mmCIF file of all heavy atoms, coordinates in Angstrom:
data_MODEL
# 
_entry.id   MODEL 
# 
loop_
_atom_site.group_PDB 
_atom_site.id 
_atom_site.type_symbol 
_atom_site.label_atom_id 
_atom_site.label_alt_id 
_atom_site.label_comp_id 
_atom_site.label_asym_id 
_atom_site.label_entity_id 
_atom_site.label_seq_id 
_atom_site.pdbx_PDB_ins_code 
_atom_site.Cartn_x 
_atom_site.Cartn_y 
_atom_site.Cartn_z 
_atom_site.occupancy 
_atom_site.B_iso_or_equiv 
_atom_site.pdbx_formal_charge 
_atom_site.auth_seq_id 
_atom_site.auth_comp_id 
_atom_site.auth_asym_id 
_atom_site.auth_atom_id 
_atom_site.pdbx_PDB_model_num 
ATOM 1   N N   . PHE A 1 1  ? -5.142 -8.208  -21.558 1.00 0.00 ? 1  PHE A N   1 
ATOM 2   C CA  . PHE A 1 1  ? -4.870 -8.736  -20.369 1.00 0.00 ? 1  PHE A CA  1 
ATOM 3   C C   . PHE A 1 1  ? -3.757 -9.758  -20.395 1.00 0.00 ? 1  PHE A C   1 
ATOM 4   O O   . PHE A 1 1  ? -3.627 -10.587 -21.344 1.00 0.00 ? 1  PHE A O   1 
ATOM 5   C CB  . PHE A 1 1  ? -6.118 -9.411  -19.678 1.00 0.00 ? 1  PHE A CB  1 
ATOM 6   C CG  . PHE A 1 1  ? -5.859 -9.978  -18.301 1.00 0.00 ? 1  PHE A CG  1 
ATOM 7   C CD1 . PHE A 1 1  ? -5.776 -9.206  -17.215 1.00 0.00 ? 1  PHE A CD1 1 
ATOM 8   C CD2 . PHE A 1 1  ? -5.797 -11.430 -18.109 1.00 0.00 ? 1  PHE A CD2 1 
ATOM 9   C CE1 . PHE A 1 1  ? -5.519 -9.730  -16.066 1.00 0.00 ? 1  PHE A CE1 1 
ATOM 10  C CE2 . PHE A 1 1  ? -5.542 -11.951 -16.869 1.00 0.00 ? 1  PHE A CE2 1 
ATOM 11  C CZ  . PHE A 1 1  ? -5.316 -11.086 -15.825 1.00 0.00 ? 1  PHE A CZ  1 
ATOM 12  N N   . LEU A 1 2  ? -2.853 -9.616  -19.400 1.00 0.00 ? 2  LEU A N   1 
ATOM 13  C CA  . LEU A 1 2  ? -1.632 -10.526 -19.516 1.00 0.00 ? 2  LEU A CA  1 
ATOM 14  C C   . LEU A 1 2  ? -1.673 -11.234 -18.141 1.00 0.00 ? 2  LEU A C   1 
ATOM 15  O O   . LEU A 1 2  ? -1.791 -10.711 -17.039 1.00 0.00 ? 2  LEU A O   1 
ATOM 16  C CB  . LEU A 1 2  ? -0.262 -9.541  -19.445 1.00 0.00 ? 2  LEU A CB  1 
ATOM 17  C CG  . LEU A 1 2  ? 0.938  -10.257 -19.813 1.00 0.00 ? 2  LEU A CG  1 
ATOM 18  C CD1 . LEU A 1 2  ? 0.953  -10.955 -21.209 1.00 0.00 ? 2  LEU A CD1 1 
ATOM 19  C CD2 . LEU A 1 2  ? 2.075  -9.249  -19.768 1.00 0.00 ? 2  LEU A CD2 1 
ATOM 20  N N   . LYS A 1 3  ? -1.611 -12.617 -18.248 1.00 0.00 ? 3  LYS A N   1 
ATOM 21  C CA  . LYS A 1 3  ? -1.789 -13.357 -17.119 1.00 0.00 ? 3  LYS A CA  1 
ATOM 22  C C   . LYS A 1 3  ? -0.485 -13.294 -16.145 1.00 0.00 ? 3  LYS A C   1 
ATOM 23  O O   . LYS A 1 3  ? 0.685  -13.063 -16.711 1.00 0.00 ? 3  LYS A O   1 
ATOM 24  C CB  . LYS A 1 3  ? -1.844 -14.843 -17.520 1.00 0.00 ? 3  LYS A CB  1 
ATOM 25  C CG  . LYS A 1 3  ? -3.268 -15.208 -18.031 1.00 0.00 ? 3  LYS A CG  1 
ATOM 26  C CD  . LYS A 1 3  ? -3.295 -16.723 -18.363 1.00 0.00 ? 3  LYS A CD  1 
ATOM 27  C CE  . LYS A 1 3  ? -4.737 -16.955 -18.917 1.00 0.00 ? 3  LYS A CE  1 
ATOM 28  N NZ  . LYS A 1 3  ? -4.890 -18.413 -19.169 1.00 0.00 ? 3  LYS A NZ  1 
ATOM 29  N N   . GLY A 1 4  ? -0.677 -13.315 -14.912 1.00 0.00 ? 4  GLY A N   1 
ATOM 30  C CA  . GLY A 1 4  ? 0.379  -13.161 -13.921 1.00 0.00 ? 4  GLY A CA  1 
ATOM 31  C C   . GLY A 1 4  ? -0.025 -11.999 -12.913 1.00 0.00 ? 4  GLY A C   1 
ATOM 32  O O   . GLY A 1 4  ? -0.790 -11.205 -13.130 1.00 0.00 ? 4  GLY A O   1 
ATOM 33  N N   . ASP A 1 5  ? 0.702  -12.019 -11.715 1.00 0.00 ? 5  ASP A N   1 
ATOM 34  C CA  . ASP A 1 5  ? 0.305  -11.095 -10.632 1.00 0.00 ? 5  ASP A CA  1 
ATOM 35  C C   . ASP A 1 5  ? 1.467  -10.055 -10.384 1.00 0.00 ? 5  ASP A C   1 
ATOM 36  O O   . ASP A 1 5  ? 2.643  -10.386 -10.463 1.00 0.00 ? 5  ASP A O   1 
ATOM 37  C CB  . ASP A 1 5  ? 0.109  -11.843 -9.501  1.00 0.00 ? 5  ASP A CB  1 
ATOM 38  C CG  . ASP A 1 5  ? -1.089 -12.800 -9.562  1.00 0.00 ? 5  ASP A CG  1 
ATOM 39  O OD1 . ASP A 1 5  ? -1.956 -12.605 -10.437 1.00 0.00 ? 5  ASP A OD1 1 
ATOM 40  O OD2 . ASP A 1 5  ? -1.212 -13.751 -8.709  1.00 0.00 ? 5  ASP A OD2 1 
ATOM 41  N N   . VAL A 1 6  ? 0.937  -8.862  -10.081 1.00 0.00 ? 6  VAL A N   1 
ATOM 42  C CA  . VAL A 1 6  ? 1.796  -7.836  -9.460  1.00 0.00 ? 6  VAL A CA  1 
ATOM 43  C C   . VAL A 1 6  ? 1.483  -7.947  -8.011  1.00 0.00 ? 6  VAL A C   1 
ATOM 44  O O   . VAL A 1 6  ? 0.361  -7.699  -7.520  1.00 0.00 ? 6  VAL A O   1 
ATOM 45  C CB  . VAL A 1 6  ? 1.448  -6.405  -9.948  1.00 0.00 ? 6  VAL A CB  1 
ATOM 46  C CG1 . VAL A 1 6  ? 2.394  -5.484  -9.132  1.00 0.00 ? 6  VAL A CG1 1 
ATOM 47  C CG2 . VAL A 1 6  ? 1.740  -6.354  -11.478 1.00 0.00 ? 6  VAL A CG2 1 
ATOM 48  N N   . LEU A 1 7  ? 2.529  -8.401  -7.104  1.00 0.00 ? 7  LEU A N   1 
ATOM 49  C CA  . LEU A 1 7  ? 2.250  -8.624  -5.695  1.00 0.00 ? 7  LEU A CA  1 
ATOM 50  C C   . LEU A 1 7  ? 2.497  -7.367  -4.982  1.00 0.00 ? 7  LEU A C   1 
ATOM 51  O O   . LEU A 1 7  ? 3.606  -6.807  -4.978  1.00 0.00 ? 7  LEU A O   1 
ATOM 52  C CB  . LEU A 1 7  ? 3.209  -9.675  -5.268  1.00 0.00 ? 7  LEU A CB  1 
ATOM 53  C CG  . LEU A 1 7  ? 3.115  -11.076 -6.000  1.00 0.00 ? 7  LEU A CG  1 
ATOM 54  C CD1 . LEU A 1 7  ? 4.186  -11.951 -5.467  1.00 0.00 ? 7  LEU A CD1 1 
ATOM 55  C CD2 . LEU A 1 7  ? 1.682  -11.745 -5.750  1.00 0.00 ? 7  LEU A CD2 1 
ATOM 56  N N   . HIS A 1 8  ? 1.379  -6.765  -4.431  1.00 0.00 ? 8  HIS A N   1 
ATOM 57  C CA  . HIS A 1 8  ? 1.512  -5.405  -3.794  1.00 0.00 ? 8  HIS A CA  1 
ATOM 58  C C   . HIS A 1 8  ? 1.828  -5.667  -2.309  1.00 0.00 ? 8  HIS A C   1 
ATOM 59  O O   . HIS A 1 8  ? 1.051  -5.990  -1.486  1.00 0.00 ? 8  HIS A O   1 
ATOM 60  C CB  . HIS A 1 8  ? 0.165  -4.688  -3.992  1.00 0.00 ? 8  HIS A CB  1 
ATOM 61  C CG  . HIS A 1 8  ? 0.207  -3.286  -3.591  1.00 0.00 ? 8  HIS A CG  1 
ATOM 62  N ND1 . HIS A 1 8  ? -0.853 -2.607  -3.145  1.00 0.00 ? 8  HIS A ND1 1 
ATOM 63  C CD2 . HIS A 1 8  ? 1.232  -2.442  -3.513  1.00 0.00 ? 8  HIS A CD2 1 
ATOM 64  C CE1 . HIS A 1 8  ? -0.534 -1.363  -2.812  1.00 0.00 ? 8  HIS A CE1 1 
ATOM 65  N NE2 . HIS A 1 8  ? 0.634  -1.245  -3.071  1.00 0.00 ? 8  HIS A NE2 1 
ATOM 66  N N   . ARG A 1 9  ? 3.194  -5.439  -1.931  1.00 0.00 ? 9  ARG A N   1 
ATOM 67  C CA  . ARG A 1 9  ? 3.581  -5.629  -0.624  1.00 0.00 ? 9  ARG A CA  1 
ATOM 68  C C   . ARG A 1 9  ? 3.476  -4.266  0.206   1.00 0.00 ? 9  ARG A C   1 
ATOM 69  O O   . ARG A 1 9  ? 4.519  -3.881  0.735   1.00 0.00 ? 9  ARG A O   1 
ATOM 70  C CB  . ARG A 1 9  ? 4.936  -6.205  -0.558  1.00 0.00 ? 9  ARG A CB  1 
ATOM 71  C CG  . ARG A 1 9  ? 5.092  -7.575  -1.338  1.00 0.00 ? 9  ARG A CG  1 
ATOM 72  C CD  . ARG A 1 9  ? 6.277  -8.359  -0.872  1.00 0.00 ? 9  ARG A CD  1 
ATOM 73  N NE  . ARG A 1 9  ? 6.736  -9.425  -1.785  1.00 0.00 ? 9  ARG A NE  1 
ATOM 74  C CZ  . ARG A 1 9  ? 6.083  -10.530 -1.962  1.00 0.00 ? 9  ARG A CZ  1 
ATOM 75  N NH1 . ARG A 1 9  ? 4.927  -10.822 -1.369  1.00 0.00 ? 9  ARG A NH1 1 
ATOM 76  N NH2 . ARG A 1 9  ? 6.525  -11.475 -2.695  1.00 0.00 ? 9  ARG A NH2 1 
ATOM 77  N N   . THR A 1 10 ? 2.336  -3.630  0.158   1.00 0.00 ? 10 THR A N   1 
ATOM 78  C CA  . THR A 1 10 ? 2.175  -2.389  0.749   1.00 0.00 ? 10 THR A CA  1 
ATOM 79  C C   . THR A 1 10 ? 2.140  -2.466  2.277   1.00 0.00 ? 10 THR A C   1 
ATOM 80  O O   . THR A 1 10 ? 2.428  -1.482  3.040   1.00 0.00 ? 10 THR A O   1 
ATOM 81  C CB  . THR A 1 10 ? 0.900  -1.667  0.278   1.00 0.00 ? 10 THR A CB  1 
ATOM 82  O OG1 . THR A 1 10 ? 0.934  -0.433  0.752   1.00 0.00 ? 10 THR A OG1 1 
ATOM 83  C CG2 . THR A 1 10 ? -0.376 -2.407  0.672   1.00 0.00 ? 10 THR A CG2 1 
ATOM 84  N N   . LEU A 1 11 ? 1.717  -3.628  2.906   1.00 0.00 ? 11 LEU A N   1 
ATOM 85  C CA  . LEU A 1 11 ? 1.553  -3.800  4.331   1.00 0.00 ? 11 LEU A CA  1 
ATOM 86  C C   . LEU A 1 11 ? 2.855  -3.975  5.068   1.00 0.00 ? 11 LEU A C   1 
ATOM 87  O O   . LEU A 1 11 ? 3.563  -4.987  4.733   1.00 0.00 ? 11 LEU A O   1 
ATOM 88  C CB  . LEU A 1 11 ? 0.571  -4.913  4.601   1.00 0.00 ? 11 LEU A CB  1 
ATOM 89  C CG  . LEU A 1 11 ? -0.943 -4.492  4.300   1.00 0.00 ? 11 LEU A CG  1 
ATOM 90  C CD1 . LEU A 1 11 ? -1.723 -5.920  4.498   1.00 0.00 ? 11 LEU A CD1 1 
ATOM 91  C CD2 . LEU A 1 11 ? -1.450 -3.561  5.156   1.00 0.00 ? 11 LEU A CD2 1 
ATOM 92  N N   . ILE A 1 12 ? 3.130  -3.139  5.981   1.00 0.00 ? 12 ILE A N   1 
ATOM 93  C CA  . ILE A 1 12 ? 4.385  -3.432  6.839   1.00 0.00 ? 12 ILE A CA  1 
ATOM 94  C C   . ILE A 1 12 ? 3.763  -3.381  8.284   1.00 0.00 ? 12 ILE A C   1 
ATOM 95  O O   . ILE A 1 12 ? 3.787  -4.436  8.936   1.00 0.00 ? 12 ILE A O   1 
ATOM 96  C CB  . ILE A 1 12 ? 5.426  -2.388  6.672   1.00 0.00 ? 12 ILE A CB  1 
ATOM 97  C CG1 . ILE A 1 12 ? 6.052  -2.364  5.263   1.00 0.00 ? 12 ILE A CG1 1 
ATOM 98  C CG2 . ILE A 1 12 ? 6.464  -2.687  7.720   1.00 0.00 ? 12 ILE A CG2 1 
ATOM 99  C CD1 . ILE A 1 12 ? 7.064  -1.281  5.078   1.00 0.00 ? 12 ILE A CD1 1 
ATOM 100 N N   . THR A 1 13 ? 3.160  -2.286  8.675   1.00 0.00 ? 13 THR A N   1 
ATOM 101 C CA  . THR A 1 13 ? 2.462  -2.265  9.935   1.00 0.00 ? 13 THR A CA  1 
ATOM 102 C C   . THR A 1 13 ? 1.263  -1.327  9.739   1.00 0.00 ? 13 THR A C   1 
ATOM 103 O O   . THR A 1 13 ? 1.300  -0.600  8.816   1.00 0.00 ? 13 THR A O   1 
ATOM 104 C CB  . THR A 1 13 ? 3.420  -1.666  10.997  1.00 0.00 ? 13 THR A CB  1 
ATOM 105 O OG1 . THR A 1 13 ? 3.725  -0.306  10.739  1.00 0.00 ? 13 THR A OG1 1 
ATOM 106 C CG2 . THR A 1 13 ? 4.667  -2.515  11.263  1.00 0.00 ? 13 THR A CG2 1 
ATOM 107 N N   . LEU A 1 14 ? 0.438  -1.401  10.750  1.00 0.00 ? 14 LEU A N   1 
ATOM 108 C CA  . LEU A 1 14 ? -0.757 -0.542  10.730  1.00 0.00 ? 14 LEU A CA  1 
ATOM 109 C C   . LEU A 1 14 ? -0.326 0.913   10.955  1.00 0.00 ? 14 LEU A C   1 
ATOM 110 O O   . LEU A 1 14 ? -0.840 1.850   10.166  1.00 0.00 ? 14 LEU A O   1 
ATOM 111 C CB  . LEU A 1 14 ? -1.667 -0.870  11.806  1.00 0.00 ? 14 LEU A CB  1 
ATOM 112 C CG  . LEU A 1 14 ? -2.573 -2.219  11.752  1.00 0.00 ? 14 LEU A CG  1 
ATOM 113 C CD1 . LEU A 1 14 ? -3.316 -2.427  13.014  1.00 0.00 ? 14 LEU A CD1 1 
ATOM 114 C CD2 . LEU A 1 14 ? -3.400 -2.150  10.430  1.00 0.00 ? 14 LEU A CD2 1 
ATOM 115 N N   . GLY A 1 15 ? 0.714  1.137   11.643  1.00 0.00 ? 15 GLY A N   1 
ATOM 116 C CA  . GLY A 1 15 ? 1.328  2.548   11.886  1.00 0.00 ? 15 GLY A CA  1 
ATOM 117 C C   . GLY A 1 15 ? 1.879  2.968   10.495  1.00 0.00 ? 15 GLY A C   1 
ATOM 118 O O   . GLY A 1 15 ? 1.656  4.205   10.291  1.00 0.00 ? 15 GLY A O   1 
ATOM 119 N N   . GLN A 1 16 ? 2.517  2.230   9.794   1.00 0.00 ? 16 GLN A N   1 
ATOM 120 C CA  . GLN A 1 16 ? 2.940  2.615   8.314   1.00 0.00 ? 16 GLN A CA  1 
ATOM 121 C C   . GLN A 1 16 ? 1.872  2.950   7.483   1.00 0.00 ? 16 GLN A C   1 
ATOM 122 O O   . GLN A 1 16 ? 1.973  3.924   6.681   1.00 0.00 ? 16 GLN A O   1 
ATOM 123 C CB  . GLN A 1 16 ? 3.932  1.459   7.803   1.00 0.00 ? 16 GLN A CB  1 
ATOM 124 C CG  . GLN A 1 16 ? 4.232  1.617   6.390   1.00 0.00 ? 16 GLN A CG  1 
ATOM 125 C CD  . GLN A 1 16 ? 3.425  0.686   5.556   1.00 0.00 ? 16 GLN A CD  1 
ATOM 126 O OE1 . GLN A 1 16 ? 2.922  -0.380  5.925   1.00 0.00 ? 16 GLN A OE1 1 
ATOM 127 N NE2 . GLN A 1 16 ? 3.277  1.010   4.299   1.00 0.00 ? 16 GLN A NE2 1 
ATOM 128 N N   . MET A 1 17 ? 0.840  2.132   7.514   1.00 0.00 ? 17 MET A N   1 
ATOM 129 C CA  . MET A 1 17 ? -0.363 2.473   6.649   1.00 0.00 ? 17 MET A CA  1 
ATOM 130 C C   . MET A 1 17 ? -0.946 3.718   7.075   1.00 0.00 ? 17 MET A C   1 
ATOM 131 O O   . MET A 1 17 ? -1.355 4.424   6.207   1.00 0.00 ? 17 MET A O   1 
ATOM 132 C CB  . MET A 1 17 ? -1.406 1.339   6.727   1.00 0.00 ? 17 MET A CB  1 
ATOM 133 C CG  . MET A 1 17 ? -0.890 0.004   6.138   1.00 0.00 ? 17 MET A CG  1 
ATOM 134 S SD  . MET A 1 17 ? -0.654 0.133   4.348   1.00 0.00 ? 17 MET A SD  1 
ATOM 135 C CE  . MET A 1 17 ? -2.268 0.459   3.771   1.00 0.00 ? 17 MET A CE  1 
ATOM 136 N N   . GLU A 1 18 ? -0.967 4.057   8.413   1.00 0.00 ? 18 GLU A N   1 
ATOM 137 C CA  . GLU A 1 18 ? -1.756 5.131   8.865   1.00 0.00 ? 18 GLU A CA  1 
ATOM 138 C C   . GLU A 1 18 ? -0.869 6.440   8.391   1.00 0.00 ? 18 GLU A C   1 
ATOM 139 O O   . GLU A 1 18 ? -1.336 7.482   7.946   1.00 0.00 ? 18 GLU A O   1 
ATOM 140 C CB  . GLU A 1 18 ? -1.704 5.216   10.347  1.00 0.00 ? 18 GLU A CB  1 
ATOM 141 C CG  . GLU A 1 18 ? -2.658 6.139   11.001  1.00 0.00 ? 18 GLU A CG  1 
ATOM 142 C CD  . GLU A 1 18 ? -2.799 6.011   12.528  1.00 0.00 ? 18 GLU A CD  1 
ATOM 143 O OE1 . GLU A 1 18 ? -1.896 5.462   13.111  1.00 0.00 ? 18 GLU A OE1 1 
ATOM 144 O OE2 . GLU A 1 18 ? -3.791 6.371   13.089  1.00 0.00 ? 18 GLU A OE2 1 
ATOM 145 N N   . GLU A 1 19 ? 0.515  6.424   8.442   1.00 0.00 ? 19 GLU A N   1 
ATOM 146 C CA  . GLU A 1 19 ? 1.372  7.446   8.085   1.00 0.00 ? 19 GLU A CA  1 
ATOM 147 C C   . GLU A 1 19 ? 1.127  7.752   6.541   1.00 0.00 ? 19 GLU A C   1 
ATOM 148 O O   . GLU A 1 19 ? 1.073  8.803   6.044   1.00 0.00 ? 19 GLU A O   1 
ATOM 149 C CB  . GLU A 1 19 ? 2.806  7.197   8.313   1.00 0.00 ? 19 GLU A CB  1 
ATOM 150 C CG  . GLU A 1 19 ? 3.088  7.183   9.727   1.00 0.00 ? 19 GLU A CG  1 
ATOM 151 C CD  . GLU A 1 19 ? 4.632  6.945   10.172  1.00 0.00 ? 19 GLU A CD  1 
ATOM 152 O OE1 . GLU A 1 19 ? 5.335  6.882   9.094   1.00 0.00 ? 19 GLU A OE1 1 
ATOM 153 O OE2 . GLU A 1 19 ? 4.917  6.787   11.270  1.00 0.00 ? 19 GLU A OE2 1 
ATOM 154 N N   . LYS A 1 20 ? 1.146  6.685   5.737   1.00 0.00 ? 20 LYS A N   1 
ATOM 155 C CA  . LYS A 1 20 ? 0.835  6.716   4.229   1.00 0.00 ? 20 LYS A CA  1 
ATOM 156 C C   . LYS A 1 20 ? -0.451 7.405   3.921   1.00 0.00 ? 20 LYS A C   1 
ATOM 157 O O   . LYS A 1 20 ? -0.388 8.319   3.075   1.00 0.00 ? 20 LYS A O   1 
ATOM 158 C CB  . LYS A 1 20 ? 0.915  5.302   3.701   1.00 0.00 ? 20 LYS A CB  1 
ATOM 159 C CG  . LYS A 1 20 ? 0.706  5.318   2.145   1.00 0.00 ? 20 LYS A CG  1 
ATOM 160 C CD  . LYS A 1 20 ? 0.741  3.884   1.642   1.00 0.00 ? 20 LYS A CD  1 
ATOM 161 C CE  . LYS A 1 20 ? 0.367  3.855   0.101   1.00 0.00 ? 20 LYS A CE  1 
ATOM 162 N NZ  . LYS A 1 20 ? 0.452  2.450   -0.411  1.00 0.00 ? 20 LYS A NZ  1 
ATOM 163 N N   . TYR A 1 21 ? -1.398 7.087   4.675   1.00 0.00 ? 21 TYR A N   1 
ATOM 164 C CA  . TYR A 1 21 ? -2.771 7.626   4.358   1.00 0.00 ? 21 TYR A CA  1 
ATOM 165 C C   . TYR A 1 21 ? -2.897 9.006   4.892   1.00 0.00 ? 21 TYR A C   1 
ATOM 166 O O   . TYR A 1 21 ? -3.621 9.862   4.375   1.00 0.00 ? 21 TYR A O   1 
ATOM 167 C CB  . TYR A 1 21 ? -3.908 6.838   4.957   1.00 0.00 ? 21 TYR A CB  1 
ATOM 168 C CG  . TYR A 1 21 ? -4.154 5.498   4.263   1.00 0.00 ? 21 TYR A CG  1 
ATOM 169 C CD1 . TYR A 1 21 ? -4.808 4.494   4.895   1.00 0.00 ? 21 TYR A CD1 1 
ATOM 170 C CD2 . TYR A 1 21 ? -3.775 5.347   2.942   1.00 0.00 ? 21 TYR A CD2 1 
ATOM 171 C CE1 . TYR A 1 21 ? -5.195 3.228   4.214   1.00 0.00 ? 21 TYR A CE1 1 
ATOM 172 C CE2 . TYR A 1 21 ? -4.051 4.168   2.210   1.00 0.00 ? 21 TYR A CE2 1 
ATOM 173 C CZ  . TYR A 1 21 ? -4.753 3.167   2.835   1.00 0.00 ? 21 TYR A CZ  1 
ATOM 174 O OH  . TYR A 1 21 ? -5.002 1.970   2.183   1.00 0.00 ? 21 TYR A OH  1 
ATOM 175 N N   . LEU A 1 22 ? -2.089 9.376   5.836   1.00 0.00 ? 22 LEU A N   1 
ATOM 176 C CA  . LEU A 1 22 ? -2.024 10.788  6.343   1.00 0.00 ? 22 LEU A CA  1 
ATOM 177 C C   . LEU A 1 22 ? -1.483 11.739  5.191   1.00 0.00 ? 22 LEU A C   1 
ATOM 178 O O   . LEU A 1 22 ? -2.003 12.782  4.941   1.00 0.00 ? 22 LEU A O   1 
ATOM 179 C CB  . LEU A 1 22 ? -1.010 10.892  7.623   1.00 0.00 ? 22 LEU A CB  1 
ATOM 180 C CG  . LEU A 1 22 ? -0.878 12.290  8.159   1.00 0.00 ? 22 LEU A CG  1 
ATOM 181 C CD1 . LEU A 1 22 ? -2.161 12.883  8.645   1.00 0.00 ? 22 LEU A CD1 1 
ATOM 182 C CD2 . LEU A 1 22 ? 0.128  12.284  9.288   1.00 0.00 ? 22 LEU A CD2 1 
ATOM 183 N N   . GLN A 1 23 ? -0.386 11.244  4.505   1.00 0.00 ? 23 GLN A N   1 
ATOM 184 C CA  . GLN A 1 23 ? 0.116  12.021  3.486   1.00 0.00 ? 23 GLN A CA  1 
ATOM 185 C C   . GLN A 1 23 ? -0.868 12.114  2.355   1.00 0.00 ? 23 GLN A C   1 
ATOM 186 O O   . GLN A 1 23 ? -1.038 13.151  1.792   1.00 0.00 ? 23 GLN A O   1 
ATOM 187 C CB  . GLN A 1 23 ? 1.421  11.288  2.916   1.00 0.00 ? 23 GLN A CB  1 
ATOM 188 C CG  . GLN A 1 23 ? 2.072  11.958  1.823   1.00 0.00 ? 23 GLN A CG  1 
ATOM 189 C CD  . GLN A 1 23 ? 3.160  11.104  1.044   1.00 0.00 ? 23 GLN A CD  1 
ATOM 190 O OE1 . GLN A 1 23 ? 3.625  10.143  1.643   1.00 0.00 ? 23 GLN A OE1 1 
ATOM 191 N NE2 . GLN A 1 23 ? 3.481  11.517  -0.169  1.00 0.00 ? 23 GLN A NE2 1 
ATOM 192 N N   . LEU A 1 24 ? -1.466 10.953  2.030   1.00 0.00 ? 24 LEU A N   1 
ATOM 193 C CA  . LEU A 1 24 ? -2.399 10.905  0.879   1.00 0.00 ? 24 LEU A CA  1 
ATOM 194 C C   . LEU A 1 24 ? -3.612 11.847  1.151   1.00 0.00 ? 24 LEU A C   1 
ATOM 195 O O   . LEU A 1 24 ? -4.019 12.528  0.168   1.00 0.00 ? 24 LEU A O   1 
ATOM 196 C CB  . LEU A 1 24 ? -2.982 9.434   0.717   1.00 0.00 ? 24 LEU A CB  1 
ATOM 197 C CG  . LEU A 1 24 ? -2.126 8.615   -0.131  1.00 0.00 ? 24 LEU A CG  1 
ATOM 198 C CD1 . LEU A 1 24 ? -2.613 7.118   -0.129  1.00 0.00 ? 24 LEU A CD1 1 
ATOM 199 C CD2 . LEU A 1 24 ? -2.033 9.097   -1.614  1.00 0.00 ? 24 LEU A CD2 1 
ATOM 200 N N   . SER A 1 25 ? -4.109 11.754  2.338   1.00 0.00 ? 25 SER A N   1 
ATOM 201 C CA  . SER A 1 25 ? -5.276 12.621  2.646   1.00 0.00 ? 25 SER A CA  1 
ATOM 202 C C   . SER A 1 25 ? -4.921 14.193  2.418   1.00 0.00 ? 25 SER A C   1 
ATOM 203 O O   . SER A 1 25 ? -5.812 14.862  2.007   1.00 0.00 ? 25 SER A O   1 
ATOM 204 C CB  . SER A 1 25 ? -5.912 12.350  3.951   1.00 0.00 ? 25 SER A CB  1 
ATOM 205 O OG  . SER A 1 25 ? -4.996 12.656  4.972   1.00 0.00 ? 25 SER A OG  1 
ATOM 206 N N   . SER A 1 26 ? -3.794 14.543  2.905   1.00 0.00 ? 26 SER A N   1 
ATOM 207 C CA  . SER A 1 26 ? -3.354 15.906  2.808   1.00 0.00 ? 26 SER A CA  1 
ATOM 208 C C   . SER A 1 26 ? -3.230 16.369  1.430   1.00 0.00 ? 26 SER A C   1 
ATOM 209 O O   . SER A 1 26 ? -3.615 17.426  0.951   1.00 0.00 ? 26 SER A O   1 
ATOM 210 C CB  . SER A 1 26 ? -2.079 16.072  3.630   1.00 0.00 ? 26 SER A CB  1 
ATOM 211 O OG  . SER A 1 26 ? -2.298 15.871  4.968   1.00 0.00 ? 26 SER A OG  1 
# 
């Protein structure tokens, strides 16, 4: 384990998350 964070800036809008998950589910 290496101390420190990977900051996951995945959130832009709910619409963007919905589109991302649409691709993933397919």
